[in-house]
Amino acid sequence: MFTICFLFSNPVLIFACYAYAEHRGESLIKEVNIEMNTKRIALIPAYEPDERLVALAEELEREDFAVIVVNDGSGADSADVFREAARWAQVLTHPHNRGKGAALKTGLQYIVAHFDAP
């Protein structure tokens, strides 16, 4: 099992954890407490972030999270931030801004494809 933590930074960090589970062949998403035997994944949609994204990715990685950052079409001014964040996170990039929902969907598709669920 793995736990997905969505992190939003506008304007306050909201931390919501969900686990993906299989039940009778259907995928379910339900709220759970983080258990030590689960893989914790932080999914961060980002548009035009500042250096705080790097610090957040680094801290989460230190806490044994797999960190997924979705660059939602940020401009060239943010390239250095994403390049630095890539030291601590897997950075996925949209070629243009598609919105937070699309960024979350991209991140979830990546997680389902690259992490094992029971």
Protein backbone atom coordinates (compact mmCIF):
# COMPACT_ATOMS: atom_id res chain seq x y z
CA MET A 1 0.00 0.00 0.00
CA PHE A 2 1.11 3.55 -0.52
CA THR A 3 -0.07 6.86 0.85
CA ILE A 4 -0.36 9.93 -1.36
CA CYS A 5 -0.05 13.34 0.28
CA PHE A 6 -1.24 16.30 -1.75
CA LEU A 7 0.56 19.51 -0.88
CA PHE A 8 -0.86 22.88 -1.86
CA SER A 9 1.02 26.05 -1.05
CA ASN A 10 -1.46 28.75 -2.04
CA PRO A 11 -1.64 30.52 0.38
CA VAL A 12 -1.47 28.05 3.27
CA LEU A 13 0.01 24.59 3.19
CA ILE A 14 -2.91 22.16 3.28
CA PHE A 15 -1.88 18.61 3.99
CA ALA A 16 -4.37 15.89 3.05
CA CYS A 17 -3.40 12.24 2.95
CA TYR A 18 -5.16 9.57 0.97
CA ALA A 19 -4.36 5.94 0.38
CA TYR A 20 -5.03 4.05 -2.76
CA ALA A 21 -6.43 0.56 -2.25
CA GLU A 22 -7.81 -2.26 -4.33
CA HIS A 23 -11.23 -3.68 -3.49
CA ARG A 24 -12.90 -6.31 -5.66
CA GLY A 25 -10.92 -5.14 -8.65
CA GLU A 26 -12.04 -1.53 -8.25
CA SER A 27 -9.73 1.24 -7.11
CA LEU A 28 -10.88 3.16 -4.07
CA ILE A 29 -9.49 6.32 -2.53
CA LYS A 30 -10.17 6.76 1.17
CA GLU A 31 -8.83 8.93 3.95
CA VAL A 32 -6.45 7.08 6.26
CA ASN A 33 -3.84 7.69 8.88
CA ILE A 34 -0.26 7.27 7.70
CA GLU A 35 1.10 3.91 8.77
CA MET A 36 4.81 3.21 9.05
CA ASN A 37 4.58 0.24 6.66
CA THR A 38 3.24 2.31 3.77
CA LYS A 39 5.21 4.21 1.14
CA ARG A 40 4.52 7.90 1.57
CA ILE A 41 4.30 9.99 -1.58
CA ALA A 42 4.06 13.79 -1.64
CA LEU A 43 2.41 15.19 -4.77
CA ILE A 44 3.01 18.91 -5.25
CA PRO A 45 1.37 20.83 -8.12
CA ALA A 46 3.44 23.97 -8.76
CA TYR A 47 3.06 27.07 -10.91
CA GLU A 48 5.71 29.80 -10.78
CA PRO A 49 7.15 28.62 -7.41
CA ASP A 50 9.93 30.26 -5.46
CA GLU A 51 12.86 28.71 -3.59
CA ARG A 52 10.54 27.45 -0.84
CA LEU A 53 9.59 24.58 -3.17
CA VAL A 54 13.19 23.34 -3.05
CA ALA A 55 13.27 23.48 0.76
CA LEU A 56 9.93 21.66 0.96
CA ALA A 57 11.03 18.92 -1.46
CA GLU A 58 14.29 18.46 0.43
CA GLU A 59 12.56 18.21 3.81
CA LEU A 60 9.98 15.74 2.53
CA GLU A 61 12.67 13.57 0.95
CA ARG A 62 14.54 13.56 4.27
CA GLU A 63 11.34 12.35 5.94
CA ASP A 64 11.32 9.37 3.53
CA PHE A 65 8.64 10.63 1.17
CA ALA A 66 8.83 9.98 -2.54
CA VAL A 67 8.33 13.53 -3.84
CA ILE A 68 6.54 14.22 -7.12
CA VAL A 69 6.41 17.84 -8.33
CA VAL A 70 4.29 18.79 -11.34
CA ASN A 71 5.47 21.96 -13.08
CA ASP A 72 2.19 23.28 -14.46
CA GLY A 73 3.62 25.30 -17.34
CA SER A 74 5.72 27.74 -15.33
CA GLY A 75 7.82 30.24 -17.26
CA ALA A 76 11.57 30.42 -17.70
CA ASP A 77 11.91 32.43 -14.48
CA SER A 78 11.13 29.26 -12.51
CA ALA A 79 13.47 26.92 -14.41
CA ASP A 80 16.22 27.16 -11.79
CA VAL A 81 13.77 26.34 -9.00
CA PHE A 82 12.58 23.18 -10.77
CA ARG A 83 16.13 22.19 -11.68
CA GLU A 84 17.15 22.47 -8.01
CA ALA A 85 13.97 20.69 -6.80
CA ALA A 86 14.84 17.80 -9.12
CA ARG A 87 17.70 16.95 -6.73
CA TRP A 88 15.03 15.88 -4.20
CA ALA A 89 11.97 15.15 -6.33
CA GLN A 90 10.75 13.68 -9.58
CA VAL A 91 9.69 16.73 -11.60
CA LEU A 92 7.02 16.30 -14.28
CA THR A 93 6.32 19.22 -16.64
CA HIS A 94 3.29 20.47 -18.53
CA PRO A 95 4.29 22.53 -21.60
CA HIS A 96 1.69 25.18 -20.68
CA ASN A 97 -0.50 25.97 -17.68
CA ARG A 98 -3.42 23.53 -17.45
CA GLY A 99 -4.57 24.20 -13.90
CA LYS A 100 -4.16 22.51 -10.53
CA GLY A 101 -6.63 19.72 -11.34
CA ALA A 102 -4.70 18.70 -14.44
CA ALA A 103 -1.43 18.84 -12.51
CA LEU A 104 -2.87 16.54 -9.84
CA LYS A 105 -4.17 14.17 -12.52
CA THR A 106 -0.74 14.04 -14.18
CA GLY A 107 0.90 13.33 -10.82
CA LEU A 108 -1.61 10.62 -9.92
CA GLN A 109 -1.14 8.93 -13.30
CA TYR A 110 2.62 8.91 -12.70
CA ILE A 111 2.19 7.47 -9.21
CA VAL A 112 -0.15 4.69 -10.34
CA ALA A 113 2.27 3.79 -13.15
CA HIS A 114 5.45 3.83 -11.04
CA PHE A 115 4.47 2.69 -7.53
CA ASP A 116 3.10 -0.68 -6.50
CA ALA A 117 -0.27 -0.94 -4.79
CA PRO A 118 -1.44 -4.12 -3.07
